[in-house]
Amino acid sequence: MISIIIPAHNERQNLSKLLPSLQTKTRKAGVEIIVALSCDNADNSENLTTGLSNLKFIKCEGKGRAVQMNTGASLASGTVLVFLHADVKPPESFLEDIECTLDKNYEAGFFSYRFDKRSFWLDINASFTAKDGIFTGGGDQCLFIKRDAFNALGGFDENQVLMEDFEFFKRMKKNKIAYKIIKNDLIVSARKYESNSYLRVNLSNLLLVLLFKVGLSSEKLKTIHNRLLKMPYQHNA
């Protein structure tokens, strides 16, 4: 079974688009969808009418995306865990791509992506997601991983209040978890770029990744992030 885990905080609008799009992709037996809502989610996302029989909403006790994803994983039935952001739309062959990759003896993987608004500069950004590099492992790339490997790594670090995805990927590499980047684009929201300039987002992202790599604490990273960027949505960490 494949378990798709979606951490969400006041994401009703995006979930109302994503969940129906998953319907045709998850009709096959052996796929479940778990939406892990933050403890202070306040938009009644759990009351969305979707028609999906393989969907369940859970309310998490703690705060932060790492907590949400770990909670979803702990309640999942699947032998494969897929962590998908609420504002990311997967390609049609999403599940087949995952199964094919894992059948080739990879233990985990990510997807390349492009933005939902096209521009020369955004296309340049997206092009980097199709290959290994400094930004590999970010949550927008949609991590999928065998449950055994996820458990062996101890799940996400719940003390990592920002960049929990990069921290997890760092441990994946350290433990030599075999992974592949699938070159079949997810569609990712450009909303952060719409609320900030292209240059500001890119310089901020580069700075945060570099500071993370030299060991700055997640609390300080979060403070810097909030000072540098205006967010179009309320972050839950």
C-alpha atoms as a PDB file:
ATOM      1  CA  MET A   1       0.000   0.000   0.000  1.00  0.00           C
ATOM      2  CA  ILE A   2       1.020   3.596  -0.676  1.00  0.00           C
ATOM      3  CA  SER A   3       0.150   6.243   1.907  1.00  0.00           C
ATOM      4  CA  ILE A   4       0.043   9.858   0.711  1.00  0.00           C
ATOM      5  CA  ILE A   5       0.534  12.192   3.679  1.00  0.00           C
ATOM      6  CA  ILE A   6      -0.360  15.876   3.279  1.00  0.00           C
ATOM      7  CA  PRO A   7       0.621  18.254   6.113  1.00  0.00           C
ATOM      8  CA  ALA A   8      -1.711  21.250   6.104  1.00  0.00           C
ATOM      9  CA  HIS A   9      -2.295  24.436   8.059  1.00  0.00           C
ATOM     10  CA  ASN A  10      -5.253  26.574   6.950  1.00  0.00           C
ATOM     11  CA  GLU A  11      -4.958  25.174   3.420  1.00  0.00           C
ATOM     12  CA  ARG A  12      -8.647  24.573   2.676  1.00  0.00           C
ATOM     13  CA  GLN A  13      -8.504  26.388  -0.668  1.00  0.00           C
ATOM     14  CA  ASN A  14      -5.522  24.367  -1.907  1.00  0.00           C
ATOM     15  CA  LEU A  15      -6.888  21.098  -0.534  1.00  0.00           C
ATOM     16  CA  SER A  16     -10.162  21.697  -2.356  1.00  0.00           C
ATOM     17  CA  LYS A  17      -8.163  21.622  -5.603  1.00  0.00           C
ATOM     18  CA  LEU A  18      -5.587  18.956  -4.739  1.00  0.00           C
ATOM     19  CA  LEU A  19      -7.839  16.259  -3.301  1.00  0.00           C
ATOM     20  CA  PRO A  20     -10.176  15.999  -6.333  1.00  0.00           C
ATOM     21  CA  SER A  21      -7.109  15.879  -8.597  1.00  0.00           C
ATOM     22  CA  LEU A  22      -5.847  12.904  -6.603  1.00  0.00           C
ATOM     23  CA  GLN A  23      -9.140  11.053  -7.091  1.00  0.00           C
ATOM     24  CA  THR A  24      -8.319   9.657 -10.530  1.00  0.00           C
ATOM     25  CA  LYS A  25      -4.749   8.933  -9.512  1.00  0.00           C
ATOM     26  CA  THR A  26      -5.685   6.921  -6.420  1.00  0.00           C
ATOM     27  CA  ARG A  27      -8.662   4.864  -7.567  1.00  0.00           C
ATOM     28  CA  LYS A  28      -6.560   1.732  -7.615  1.00  0.00           C
ATOM     29  CA  ALA A  29      -6.635  -0.429  -4.497  1.00  0.00           C
ATOM     30  CA  GLY A  30      -3.841  -0.014  -2.006  1.00  0.00           C
ATOM     31  CA  VAL A  31      -3.634   3.798  -1.853  1.00  0.00           C
ATOM     32  CA  GLU A  32      -4.690   5.940   1.097  1.00  0.00           C
ATOM     33  CA  ILE A  33      -4.583   9.706   1.627  1.00  0.00           C
ATOM     34  CA  ILE A  34      -4.001  11.205   5.068  1.00  0.00           C
ATOM     35  CA  VAL A  35      -4.337  14.960   5.595  1.00  0.00           C
ATOM     36  CA  ALA A  36      -2.463  15.823   8.793  1.00  0.00           C
ATOM     37  CA  LEU A  37      -3.874  19.114  10.056  1.00  0.00           C
ATOM     38  CA  SER A  38      -1.956  21.330  12.451  1.00  0.00           C
ATOM     39  CA  CYS A  39      -3.207  21.524  16.020  1.00  0.00           C
ATOM     40  CA  ASP A  40      -4.387  25.097  15.459  1.00  0.00           C
ATOM     41  CA  ASN A  41      -5.848  24.665  11.980  1.00  0.00           C
ATOM     42  CA  ALA A  42      -8.857  26.987  11.883  1.00  0.00           C
ATOM     43  CA  ASP A  43     -10.410  26.777   8.414  1.00  0.00           C
ATOM     44  CA  ASN A  44     -12.550  23.614   8.805  1.00  0.00           C
ATOM     45  CA  SER A  45     -10.534  21.754   6.157  1.00  0.00           C
ATOM     46  CA  GLU A  46     -11.700  18.481   7.658  1.00  0.00           C
ATOM     47  CA  ASN A  47     -15.247  19.232   6.498  1.00  0.00           C
ATOM     48  CA  LEU A  48     -14.351  19.317   2.807  1.00  0.00           C
ATOM     49  CA  THR A  49     -16.591  17.127   0.661  1.00  0.00           C
ATOM     50  CA  THR A  50     -14.341  15.178  -1.693  1.00  0.00           C
ATOM     51  CA  GLY A  51     -16.026  11.881  -2.536  1.00  0.00           C
ATOM     52  CA  LEU A  52     -12.781  10.076  -1.731  1.00  0.00           C
ATOM     53  CA  SER A  53     -13.360   6.881   0.244  1.00  0.00           C
ATOM     54  CA  ASN A  54      -9.629   6.411   0.828  1.00  0.00           C
ATOM     55  CA  LEU A  55      -9.193   9.794   2.559  1.00  0.00           C
ATOM     56  CA  LYS A  56      -9.006  10.652   6.235  1.00  0.00           C
ATOM     57  CA  PHE A  57      -8.249  13.847   8.138  1.00  0.00           C
ATOM     58  CA  ILE A  58      -6.334  13.806  11.405  1.00  0.00           C
ATOM     59  CA  LYS A  59      -5.696  16.658  13.848  1.00  0.00           C
ATOM     60  CA  CYS A  60      -2.183  16.705  15.289  1.00  0.00           C
ATOM     61  CA  GLU A  61      -1.409  17.500  18.905  1.00  0.00           C
ATOM     62  CA  GLY A  62       1.859  19.350  18.354  1.00  0.00           C
ATOM     63  CA  LYS A  63       2.906  22.205  16.069  1.00  0.00           C
ATOM     64  CA  GLY A  64       5.150  22.127  13.035  1.00  0.00           C
ATOM     65  CA  ARG A  65       5.267  20.304   9.729  1.00  0.00           C
ATOM     66  CA  ALA A  66       7.675  17.655  11.073  1.00  0.00           C
ATOM     67  CA  VAL A  67       5.131  16.761  13.767  1.00  0.00           C
ATOM     68  CA  GLN A  68       2.341  16.583  11.183  1.00  0.00           C
ATOM     69  CA  MET A  69       4.278  14.344   8.828  1.00  0.00           C
ATOM     70  CA  ASN A  70       5.449  12.034  11.609  1.00  0.00           C
ATOM     71  CA  THR A  71       1.907  11.795  12.975  1.00  0.00           C
ATOM     72  CA  GLY A  72       0.564  10.950   9.535  1.00  0.00           C
ATOM     73  CA  ALA A  73       3.286   8.339   9.049  1.00  0.00           C
ATOM     74  CA  SER A  74       2.550   6.736  12.418  1.00  0.00           C
ATOM     75  CA  LEU A  75      -1.107   6.245  11.437  1.00  0.00           C
ATOM     76  CA  ALA A  76      -0.433   5.195   7.848  1.00  0.00           C
ATOM     77  CA  SER A  77      -0.984   1.649   6.613  1.00  0.00           C
ATOM     78  CA  GLY A  78       1.357   1.843   3.646  1.00  0.00           C
ATOM     79  CA  THR A  79       4.735   0.258   3.077  1.00  0.00           C
ATOM     80  CA  VAL A  80       5.541   3.371   1.024  1.00  0.00           C
ATOM     81  CA  LEU A  81       5.133   6.894   2.430  1.00  0.00           C
ATOM     82  CA  VAL A  82       4.625   9.892   0.131  1.00  0.00           C
ATOM     83  CA  PHE A  83       4.871  13.391   1.635  1.00  0.00           C
ATOM     84  CA  LEU A  84       3.030  15.910  -0.517  1.00  0.00           C
ATOM     85  CA  HIS A  85       2.498  19.615   0.191  1.00  0.00           C
ATOM     86  CA  ALA A  86      -1.056  20.947  -0.089  1.00  0.00           C
ATOM     87  CA  ASP A  87      -0.134  23.501  -2.765  1.00  0.00           C
ATOM     88  CA  VAL A  88       1.622  20.967  -5.020  1.00  0.00           C
ATOM     89  CA  LYS A  89      -0.162  19.098  -7.817  1.00  0.00           C
ATOM     90  CA  PRO A  90       1.403  15.793  -8.926  1.00  0.00           C
ATOM     91  CA  PRO A  91       1.590  14.581 -12.548  1.00  0.00           C
ATOM     92  CA  GLU A  92      -0.845  12.006 -13.936  1.00  0.00           C
ATOM     93  CA  SER A  93       1.660   9.143 -13.721  1.00  0.00           C
ATOM     94  CA  PHE A  94       2.584  10.074 -10.135  1.00  0.00           C
ATOM     95  CA  LEU A  95       1.964   6.676  -8.532  1.00  0.00           C
ATOM     96  CA  GLU A  96       3.304   4.671 -11.462  1.00  0.00           C
ATOM     97  CA  ASP A  97       6.513   6.732 -11.367  1.00  0.00           C
ATOM     98  CA  ILE A  98       6.938   5.990  -7.663  1.00  0.00           C
ATOM     99  CA  GLU A  99       6.288   2.260  -8.046  1.00  0.00           C
ATOM    100  CA  CYS A 100       8.646   1.997 -11.033  1.00  0.00           C
ATOM    101  CA  THR A 101      11.421   3.785  -9.140  1.00  0.00           C
ATOM    102  CA  LEU A 102      11.110   1.605  -6.046  1.00  0.00           C
ATOM    103  CA  ASP A 103      10.991  -1.530  -8.208  1.00  0.00           C
ATOM    104  CA  LYS A 104      14.473  -0.572  -9.438  1.00  0.00           C
ATOM    105  CA  ASN A 105      15.901  -0.960  -5.929  1.00  0.00           C
ATOM    106  CA  TYR A 106      15.788   2.683  -4.939  1.00  0.00           C
ATOM    107  CA  GLU A 107      14.547   3.264  -1.398  1.00  0.00           C
ATOM    108  CA  ALA A 108      13.356   6.829  -1.886  1.00  0.00           C
ATOM    109  CA  GLY A 109      12.978   9.607  -4.398  1.00  0.00           C
ATOM    110  CA  PHE A 110      11.822  13.086  -5.341  1.00  0.00           C
ATOM    111  CA  PHE A 111      10.172  14.749  -8.328  1.00  0.00           C
ATOM    112  CA  SER A 112      11.314  17.654 -10.453  1.00  0.00           C
ATOM    113  CA  TYR A 113       8.841  20.521 -10.587  1.00  0.00           C
ATOM    114  CA  ARG A 114       7.735  23.656 -12.398  1.00  0.00           C
ATOM    115  CA  PHE A 115       5.720  26.582 -11.145  1.00  0.00           C
ATOM    116  CA  ASP A 116       2.040  27.219 -11.795  1.00  0.00           C
ATOM    117  CA  LYS A 117       2.987  30.548 -13.359  1.00  0.00           C
ATOM    118  CA  ARG A 118       5.530  30.531 -16.158  1.00  0.00           C
ATOM    119  CA  SER A 119       8.308  33.064 -16.472  1.00  0.00           C
ATOM    120  CA  PHE A 120      11.884  32.950 -17.682  1.00  0.00           C
ATOM    121  CA  TRP A 121      13.284  33.283 -14.169  1.00  0.00           C
ATOM    122  CA  LEU A 122      10.917  30.811 -12.524  1.00  0.00           C
ATOM    123  CA  ASP A 123      11.685  28.294 -15.269  1.00  0.00           C
ATOM    124  CA  ILE A 124      15.386  28.656 -14.468  1.00  0.00           C
ATOM    125  CA  ASN A 125      14.676  27.943 -10.799  1.00  0.00           C
ATOM    126  CA  ALA A 126      12.591  24.910 -11.677  1.00  0.00           C
ATOM    127  CA  SER A 127      15.282  23.504 -13.975  1.00  0.00           C
ATOM    128  CA  PHE A 128      17.575  22.936 -10.988  1.00  0.00           C
ATOM    129  CA  THR A 129      15.073  20.518  -9.422  1.00  0.00           C
ATOM    130  CA  ALA A 130      15.664  17.916 -12.144  1.00  0.00           C
ATOM    131  CA  LYS A 131      19.185  17.180 -10.923  1.00  0.00           C
ATOM    132  CA  ASP A 132      21.094  16.769  -7.687  1.00  0.00           C
ATOM    133  CA  GLY A 133      22.262  20.012  -6.163  1.00  0.00           C
ATOM    134  CA  ILE A 134      22.261  22.316  -3.168  1.00  0.00           C
ATOM    135  CA  PHE A 135      18.449  22.558  -3.095  1.00  0.00           C
ATOM    136  CA  THR A 136      17.699  18.833  -3.485  1.00  0.00           C
ATOM    137  CA  GLY A 137      15.454  17.500  -0.736  1.00  0.00           C
ATOM    138  CA  GLY A 138      13.146  20.484  -0.369  1.00  0.00           C
ATOM    139  CA  GLY A 139       9.555  19.641   0.483  1.00  0.00           C
ATOM    140  CA  ASP A 140       8.127  20.971  -2.778  1.00  0.00           C
ATOM    141  CA  GLN A 141       9.888  18.095  -4.544  1.00  0.00           C
ATOM    142  CA  CYS A 142       7.614  15.557  -2.787  1.00  0.00           C
ATOM    143  CA  LEU A 143       9.605  12.951  -0.887  1.00  0.00           C
ATOM    144  CA  PHE A 144       8.579   9.318  -1.232  1.00  0.00           C
ATOM    145  CA  ILE A 145      10.317   6.642   0.797  1.00  0.00           C
ATOM    146  CA  LYS A 146       9.896   3.052   1.895  1.00  0.00           C
ATOM    147  CA  ARG A 147       8.481   2.886   5.398  1.00  0.00           C
ATOM    148  CA  ASP A 148      11.331   0.679   6.650  1.00  0.00           C
ATOM    149  CA  ALA A 149      13.887   3.272   5.559  1.00  0.00           C
ATOM    150  CA  PHE A 150      11.832   6.112   7.061  1.00  0.00           C
ATOM    151  CA  ASN A 151      11.558   4.305  10.390  1.00  0.00           C
ATOM    152  CA  ALA A 152      15.255   3.395  10.390  1.00  0.00           C
ATOM    153  CA  LEU A 153      16.072   7.105  10.070  1.00  0.00           C
ATOM    154  CA  GLY A 154      13.749   7.954  12.956  1.00  0.00           C
ATOM    155  CA  GLY A 155      11.354  10.068  10.912  1.00  0.00           C
ATOM    156  CA  PHE A 156      11.518  13.853  10.757  1.00  0.00           C
ATOM    157  CA  ASP A 157      13.233  15.790  13.532  1.00  0.00           C
ATOM    158  CA  GLU A 158      10.375  17.479  15.385  1.00  0.00           C
ATOM    159  CA  ASN A 159      12.784  19.999  16.905  1.00  0.00           C
ATOM    160  CA  GLN A 160      13.580  21.269  13.398  1.00  0.00           C
ATOM    161  CA  VAL A 161      11.042  24.094  13.122  1.00  0.00           C
ATOM    162  CA  LEU A 162      12.210  25.083   9.634  1.00  0.00           C
ATOM    163  CA  MET A 163      13.876  23.111   6.822  1.00  0.00           C
ATOM    164  CA  GLU A 164      12.868  19.776   8.336  1.00  0.00           C
ATOM    165  CA  ASP A 165      12.909  18.342   4.825  1.00  0.00           C
ATOM    166  CA  PHE A 166      16.555  19.318   4.230  1.00  0.00           C
ATOM    167  CA  GLU A 167      17.540  17.933   7.631  1.00  0.00           C
ATOM    168  CA  PHE A 168      15.873  14.614   6.804  1.00  0.00           C
ATOM    169  CA  PHE A 169      17.577  14.500   3.399  1.00  0.00           C
ATOM    170  CA  LYS A 170      20.927  15.149   5.088  1.00  0.00           C
ATOM    171  CA  ARG A 171      20.400  11.981   7.157  1.00  0.00           C
ATOM    172  CA  MET A 172      19.285  10.083   4.061  1.00  0.00           C
ATOM    173  CA  LYS A 173      22.590  10.857   2.381  1.00  0.00           C
ATOM    174  CA  LYS A 174      24.614  10.104   5.498  1.00  0.00           C
ATOM    175  CA  ASN A 175      22.951   6.691   5.745  1.00  0.00           C
ATOM    176  CA  LYS A 176      23.371   6.045   2.014  1.00  0.00           C
ATOM    177  CA  ILE A 177      19.655   5.726   1.264  1.00  0.00           C
ATOM    178  CA  ALA A 178      19.455   5.133  -2.493  1.00  0.00           C
ATOM    179  CA  TYR A 179      17.227   7.780  -4.099  1.00  0.00           C
ATOM    180  CA  LYS A 180      16.270   9.032  -7.540  1.00  0.00           C
ATOM    181  CA  ILE A 181      14.966  12.353  -8.853  1.00  0.00           C
ATOM    182  CA  ILE A 182      12.079  11.655 -11.241  1.00  0.00           C
ATOM    183  CA  LYS A 183      12.028  14.081 -14.157  1.00  0.00           C
ATOM    184  CA  ASN A 184       8.256  14.388 -14.410  1.00  0.00           C
ATOM    185  CA  ASP A 185       7.191  17.773 -13.142  1.00  0.00           C
ATOM    186  CA  LEU A 186       4.982  18.463 -10.175  1.00  0.00           C
ATOM    187  CA  ILE A 187       3.145  21.786 -10.397  1.00  0.00           C
ATOM    188  CA  VAL A 188       4.182  24.024  -7.499  1.00  0.00           C
ATOM    189  CA  SER A 189       2.550  27.246  -6.343  1.00  0.00           C
ATOM    190  CA  ALA A 190       4.461  30.450  -7.088  1.00  0.00           C
ATOM    191  CA  ARG A 191       2.653  32.304  -4.291  1.00  0.00           C
ATOM    192  CA  LYS A 192       5.841  33.025  -2.338  1.00  0.00           C
ATOM    193  CA  TYR A 193       7.275  34.796  -5.392  1.00  0.00           C
ATOM    194  CA  GLU A 194       4.062  36.792  -5.826  1.00  0.00           C
ATOM    195  CA  SER A 195       4.373  38.183  -2.292  1.00  0.00           C
ATOM    196  CA  ASN A 196       8.104  38.909  -2.575  1.00  0.00           C
ATOM    197  CA  SER A 197      10.455  39.788  -5.409  1.00  0.00           C
ATOM    198  CA  TYR A 198      12.125  37.010  -7.377  1.00  0.00           C
ATOM    199  CA  LEU A 199      15.563  38.222  -6.277  1.00  0.00           C
ATOM    200  CA  ARG A 200      14.539  38.455  -2.616  1.00  0.00           C
ATOM    201  CA  VAL A 201      13.173  34.884  -2.524  1.00  0.00           C
ATOM    202  CA  ASN A 202      16.216  33.405  -4.232  1.00  0.00           C
ATOM    203  CA  LEU A 203      18.756  35.239  -2.106  1.00  0.00           C
ATOM    204  CA  SER A 204      16.814  34.328   1.041  1.00  0.00           C
ATOM    205  CA  ASN A 205      16.604  30.666   0.035  1.00  0.00           C
ATOM    206  CA  LEU A 206      20.314  30.533  -0.743  1.00  0.00           C
ATOM    207  CA  LEU A 207      21.209  32.200   2.546  1.00  0.00           C
ATOM    208  CA  LEU A 208      18.975  29.857   4.575  1.00  0.00           C
ATOM    209  CA  VAL A 209      20.359  26.732   2.902  1.00  0.00           C
ATOM    210  CA  LEU A 210      23.952  27.866   3.457  1.00  0.00           C
ATOM    211  CA  LEU A 211      23.273  28.753   7.103  1.00  0.00           C
ATOM    212  CA  PHE A 212      21.566  25.383   7.580  1.00  0.00           C
ATOM    213  CA  LYS A 213      24.585  23.592   6.106  1.00  0.00           C
ATOM    214  CA  VAL A 214      26.972  25.349   8.506  1.00  0.00           C
ATOM    215  CA  GLY A 215      24.817  24.294  11.449  1.00  0.00           C
ATOM    216  CA  LEU A 216      22.744  27.321  12.451  1.00  0.00           C
ATOM    217  CA  SER A 217      19.875  26.302  14.738  1.00  0.00           C
ATOM    218  CA  SER A 218      16.410  25.899  13.249  1.00  0.00           C
ATOM    219  CA  GLU A 219      15.027  28.552  15.629  1.00  0.00           C
ATOM    220  CA  LYS A 220      17.491  31.127  14.284  1.00  0.00           C
ATOM    221  CA  LEU A 221      16.781  30.019  10.720  1.00  0.00           C
ATOM    222  CA  LYS A 222      13.080  30.549  11.368  1.00  0.00           C
ATOM    223  CA  THR A 223      13.701  34.047  12.735  1.00  0.00           C
ATOM    224  CA  ILE A 224      15.789  34.997   9.696  1.00  0.00           C
ATOM    225  CA  HIS A 225      13.201  33.497   7.341  1.00  0.00           C
ATOM    226  CA  ASN A 226      10.383  35.547   8.881  1.00  0.00           C
ATOM    227  CA  ARG A 227      12.415  38.747   8.694  1.00  0.00           C
ATOM    228  CA  LEU A 228      13.390  38.258   5.071  1.00  0.00           C
ATOM    229  CA  LEU A 229      10.152  37.041   3.501  1.00  0.00           C
ATOM    230  CA  LYS A 230       6.497  38.016   3.599  1.00  0.00           C
ATOM    231  CA  MET A 231       4.472  34.833   3.499  1.00  0.00           C
ATOM    232  CA  PRO A 232       1.118  34.645   1.644  1.00  0.00           C
ATOM    233  CA  TYR A 233      -0.087  32.108   4.191  1.00  0.00           C
ATOM    234  CA  GLN A 234       0.326  31.506   7.891  1.00  0.00           C
ATOM    235  CA  HIS A 235       3.180  29.103   8.610  1.00  0.00           C
ATOM    236  CA  ASN A 236       2.449  26.593  11.330  1.00  0.00           C
ATOM    237  CA  ALA A 237       5.822  26.209  12.988  1.00  0.00           C
END
